[in-house]
Amino acid sequence: MVDWCIQLITQTLFDDFPVKHDYFDWVRRTVDKELKWLSNTKSALEDRKSHGTKPRPLEQYVGGYRNDWDYFSISVLRG
């Protein structure tokens, strides 16, 4: 999306572009898809949640984690 912002600025500053792209529409559609993805991810996490459990002490969460599809990872460090 950052690339689109720079292209929009360039297109606006230099008015001789043969084809004008609607970057605002691209950004709006991208944001809509990302919000839907986040909502679906939240629902999936809630469905997998074990009810009646309590969280462990925060120190026990220190480490690296990857999702099942191997496209997301997170590292939890001591603060």
C-alpha atoms as a PDB file:
ATOM      1  CA  MET A   1       0.000   0.000   0.000  1.00  0.00           C
ATOM      2  CA  VAL A   2       2.946   2.342   0.601  1.00  0.00           C
ATOM      3  CA  ASP A   3       3.918   1.875  -3.036  1.00  0.00           C
ATOM      4  CA  TRP A   4       0.442   2.994  -4.100  1.00  0.00           C
ATOM      5  CA  CYS A   5       0.769   6.162  -2.010  1.00  0.00           C
ATOM      6  CA  ILE A   6       4.021   7.074  -3.731  1.00  0.00           C
ATOM      7  CA  GLN A   7       2.518   6.334  -7.147  1.00  0.00           C
ATOM      8  CA  LEU A   8      -0.478   8.548  -6.294  1.00  0.00           C
ATOM      9  CA  ILE A   9       1.803  11.420  -5.260  1.00  0.00           C
ATOM     10  CA  THR A  10       3.892  11.012  -8.412  1.00  0.00           C
ATOM     11  CA  GLN A  11       0.789  10.843 -10.599  1.00  0.00           C
ATOM     12  CA  THR A  12      -0.575  13.983  -8.933  1.00  0.00           C
ATOM     13  CA  LEU A  13       2.646  15.983  -9.156  1.00  0.00           C
ATOM     14  CA  PHE A  14       3.393  15.049 -12.762  1.00  0.00           C
ATOM     15  CA  ASP A  15       0.142  15.380 -14.656  1.00  0.00           C
ATOM     16  CA  ASP A  16       1.414  13.806 -17.888  1.00  0.00           C
ATOM     17  CA  PHE A  17       0.563  10.176 -17.015  1.00  0.00           C
ATOM     18  CA  PRO A  18      -1.265   8.548 -19.946  1.00  0.00           C
ATOM     19  CA  VAL A  19      -3.419   6.385 -17.651  1.00  0.00           C
ATOM     20  CA  LYS A  20      -4.743   7.715 -14.344  1.00  0.00           C
ATOM     21  CA  HIS A  21      -5.241   5.019 -11.726  1.00  0.00           C
ATOM     22  CA  ASP A  22      -7.821   5.241  -8.959  1.00  0.00           C
ATOM     23  CA  TYR A  23      -5.516   4.482  -6.035  1.00  0.00           C
ATOM     24  CA  PHE A  24      -8.158   5.452  -3.490  1.00  0.00           C
ATOM     25  CA  ASP A  25     -10.419   2.687  -4.790  1.00  0.00           C
ATOM     26  CA  TRP A  26      -7.520   0.177  -4.659  1.00  0.00           C
ATOM     27  CA  VAL A  27      -6.741   1.171  -1.068  1.00  0.00           C
ATOM     28  CA  ARG A  28     -10.421   1.006  -0.052  1.00  0.00           C
ATOM     29  CA  ARG A  29     -10.801  -2.475  -1.537  1.00  0.00           C
ATOM     30  CA  THR A  30      -7.568  -3.646   0.104  1.00  0.00           C
ATOM     31  CA  VAL A  31      -8.652  -2.309   3.503  1.00  0.00           C
ATOM     32  CA  ASP A  32     -12.055  -3.994   3.136  1.00  0.00           C
ATOM     33  CA  LYS A  33     -10.389  -7.346   2.380  1.00  0.00           C
ATOM     34  CA  GLU A  34      -7.940  -6.990   5.286  1.00  0.00           C
ATOM     35  CA  LEU A  35     -10.740  -6.145   7.725  1.00  0.00           C
ATOM     36  CA  LYS A  36     -12.695  -9.197   6.540  1.00  0.00           C
ATOM     37  CA  TRP A  37      -9.561 -11.351   6.963  1.00  0.00           C
ATOM     38  CA  LEU A  38      -9.058 -10.015  10.496  1.00  0.00           C
ATOM     39  CA  SER A  39     -12.690 -10.705  11.365  1.00  0.00           C
ATOM     40  CA  ASN A  40     -12.429 -14.270  10.026  1.00  0.00           C
ATOM     41  CA  THR A  41      -9.178 -14.809  11.940  1.00  0.00           C
ATOM     42  CA  LYS A  42     -10.751 -13.538  15.166  1.00  0.00           C
ATOM     43  CA  SER A  43     -13.726 -15.869  14.694  1.00  0.00           C
ATOM     44  CA  ALA A  44     -11.438 -18.835  14.021  1.00  0.00           C
ATOM     45  CA  LEU A  45      -9.429 -18.095  17.170  1.00  0.00           C
ATOM     46  CA  GLU A  46     -12.590 -17.796  19.244  1.00  0.00           C
ATOM     47  CA  ASP A  47     -13.856 -21.126  17.863  1.00  0.00           C
ATOM     48  CA  ARG A  48     -10.595 -22.847  18.894  1.00  0.00           C
ATOM     49  CA  LYS A  49     -10.541 -21.264  22.344  1.00  0.00           C
ATOM     50  CA  SER A  50     -10.719 -23.666  25.280  1.00  0.00           C
ATOM     51  CA  HIS A  51     -13.432 -22.413  27.608  1.00  0.00           C
ATOM     52  CA  GLY A  52     -12.984 -22.588  31.339  1.00  0.00           C
ATOM     53  CA  THR A  53      -9.205 -22.259  31.176  1.00  0.00           C
ATOM     54  CA  LYS A  54      -7.007 -19.614  32.760  1.00  0.00           C
ATOM     55  CA  PRO A  55      -3.909 -18.013  31.218  1.00  0.00           C
ATOM     56  CA  ARG A  56      -0.506 -19.139  32.434  1.00  0.00           C
ATOM     57  CA  PRO A  57       2.026 -16.718  33.926  1.00  0.00           C
ATOM     58  CA  LEU A  58       3.363 -14.408  31.181  1.00  0.00           C
ATOM     59  CA  GLU A  59       6.911 -15.777  31.461  1.00  0.00           C
ATOM     60  CA  GLN A  60       5.679 -19.136  30.138  1.00  0.00           C
ATOM     61  CA  TYR A  61       4.700 -17.537  26.816  1.00  0.00           C
ATOM     62  CA  VAL A  62       8.257 -16.399  25.959  1.00  0.00           C
ATOM     63  CA  GLY A  63       9.360 -18.015  22.691  1.00  0.00           C
ATOM     64  CA  GLY A  64       8.670 -18.180  18.970  1.00  0.00           C
ATOM     65  CA  TYR A  65       5.355 -19.172  17.428  1.00  0.00           C
ATOM     66  CA  ARG A  66       4.178 -19.918  13.845  1.00  0.00           C
ATOM     67  CA  ASN A  67       0.671 -20.488  12.558  1.00  0.00           C
ATOM     68  CA  ASP A  68      -0.486 -23.743  10.925  1.00  0.00           C
ATOM     69  CA  TRP A  69      -0.139 -22.297   7.414  1.00  0.00           C
ATOM     70  CA  ASP A  70       3.417 -21.070   8.089  1.00  0.00           C
ATOM     71  CA  TYR A  71       2.888 -17.486   6.890  1.00  0.00           C
ATOM     72  CA  PHE A  72       2.738 -15.755  10.260  1.00  0.00           C
ATOM     73  CA  SER A  73       5.193 -15.831  13.091  1.00  0.00           C
ATOM     74  CA  ILE A  74       5.617 -13.989  16.353  1.00  0.00           C
ATOM     75  CA  SER A  75       8.398 -13.833  18.906  1.00  0.00           C
ATOM     76  CA  VAL A  76       7.518 -13.151  22.519  1.00  0.00           C
ATOM     77  CA  LEU A  77      10.390 -11.620  24.464  1.00  0.00           C
ATOM     78  CA  ARG A  78      10.904 -10.813  28.110  1.00  0.00           C
ATOM     79  CA  GLY A  79      10.106  -7.183  28.879  1.00  0.00           C
END
